[in-house]
Amino acid sequence: MIIEITSPDVEALIRQRMDAGSFKTPEDLIREVLRSSPDEKTLAPASAAECRRAAGRKSLVEVFAPLRGMNLDFSRNQSASRPVDLG
């Protein structure tokens, strides 16, 4: 299969990513894009059991688990905002 890039902007982005070391070859970039793009299954509503996170990604529950039991208040302090003069 031959894929022809006709846009100089797209070619420049591919070269930039390769130069930065994000991808070794254009094929690596295409593979990653295809893996990360949604397919028909991911576009359909999923049950909780079907939800999967990408490798290395944590849920909010996992992120805040170490703070459990510390009685932290994450509400916004309304008095800390700056006054706004509308007149």
Protein backbone atom coordinates (compact mmCIF):
# COMPACT_ATOMS: atom_id res chain seq x y z
CA MET A 1 0.00 0.00 0.00
CA ILE A 2 1.26 3.46 -0.84
CA ILE A 3 -0.05 6.50 1.03
CA GLU A 4 0.74 9.83 -0.56
CA ILE A 5 0.89 12.94 1.64
CA THR A 6 -0.06 15.90 -0.54
CA SER A 7 -0.25 18.57 2.15
CA PRO A 8 3.05 20.22 3.10
CA ASP A 9 1.60 21.02 6.54
CA VAL A 10 0.85 17.37 7.26
CA GLU A 11 4.27 16.30 6.02
CA ALA A 12 5.91 18.93 8.24
CA LEU A 13 3.95 17.69 11.27
CA ILE A 14 5.01 14.11 10.59
CA ARG A 15 8.65 15.15 10.24
CA GLN A 16 8.42 17.25 13.42
CA ARG A 17 7.08 14.29 15.42
CA MET A 18 9.74 12.00 14.01
CA ASP A 19 12.53 14.51 14.73
CA ALA A 20 11.27 14.88 18.30
CA GLY A 21 11.55 11.11 18.73
CA SER A 22 7.83 10.54 19.18
CA PHE A 23 7.82 8.12 16.25
CA LYS A 24 10.63 6.35 14.42
CA THR A 25 8.80 5.92 11.12
CA PRO A 26 5.68 7.31 9.46
CA GLU A 27 4.18 3.83 9.86
CA ASP A 28 4.55 4.13 13.66
CA LEU A 29 2.63 7.41 13.57
CA ILE A 30 -0.16 5.96 11.42
CA ARG A 31 -0.38 2.88 13.65
CA GLU A 32 -0.73 5.05 16.78
CA VAL A 33 -3.40 7.25 15.16
CA LEU A 34 -5.40 4.21 14.09
CA ARG A 35 -5.15 2.65 17.56
CA SER A 36 -6.26 5.84 19.28
CA SER A 37 -9.13 6.69 16.93
CA PRO A 38 -12.59 5.55 17.97
CA ASP A 39 -14.16 2.66 16.15
CA GLU A 40 -17.82 1.62 16.02
CA LYS A 41 -17.60 -0.24 19.33
CA THR A 42 -16.19 2.74 21.23
CA LEU A 43 -18.74 5.12 19.74
CA ALA A 44 -21.63 3.02 21.06
CA PRO A 45 -22.70 3.53 24.67
CA ALA A 46 -20.68 1.15 26.83
CA SER A 47 -21.51 -0.46 30.12
CA ALA A 48 -19.22 0.04 33.10
CA ALA A 49 -17.74 -3.42 32.57
CA GLU A 50 -16.87 -2.58 28.95
CA CYS A 51 -15.05 0.65 29.80
CA ARG A 52 -11.30 0.25 29.58
CA ARG A 53 -8.63 2.84 30.17
CA ALA A 54 -5.56 3.22 28.02
CA ALA A 55 -2.41 1.77 29.53
CA GLY A 56 -0.97 4.08 32.15
CA ARG A 57 -4.15 6.13 32.61
CA LYS A 58 -5.86 6.27 36.00
CA SER A 59 -9.45 6.97 36.91
CA LEU A 60 -10.28 9.86 39.22
CA VAL A 61 -10.99 7.34 41.96
CA GLU A 62 -7.46 5.96 41.59
CA VAL A 63 -5.91 9.43 41.47
CA PHE A 64 -7.59 10.59 44.69
CA ALA A 65 -7.35 7.25 46.55
CA PRO A 66 -4.28 8.34 48.59
CA LEU A 67 -6.30 11.32 49.89
CA ARG A 68 -9.17 9.16 51.14
CA GLY A 69 -9.95 9.77 54.83
CA MET A 70 -8.20 13.17 54.99
CA ASN A 71 -11.50 15.12 55.07
CA LEU A 72 -10.35 17.58 52.42
CA ASP A 73 -12.78 20.21 51.20
CA PHE A 74 -12.52 20.82 47.44
CA SER A 75 -15.29 23.40 47.30
CA ARG A 76 -14.52 26.80 45.84
CA ASN A 77 -13.89 29.70 48.19
CA GLN A 78 -16.31 32.32 46.89
CA SER A 79 -14.66 35.15 48.85
CA ALA A 80 -11.31 34.64 47.09
CA SER A 81 -12.49 35.95 43.73
CA ARG A 82 -11.55 39.41 42.56
CA PRO A 83 -14.22 42.13 42.55
CA VAL A 84 -15.50 43.02 39.11
CA ASP A 85 -16.49 46.62 38.41
CA LEU A 86 -19.33 46.53 35.87
CA GLY A 87 -20.09 50.22 36.03
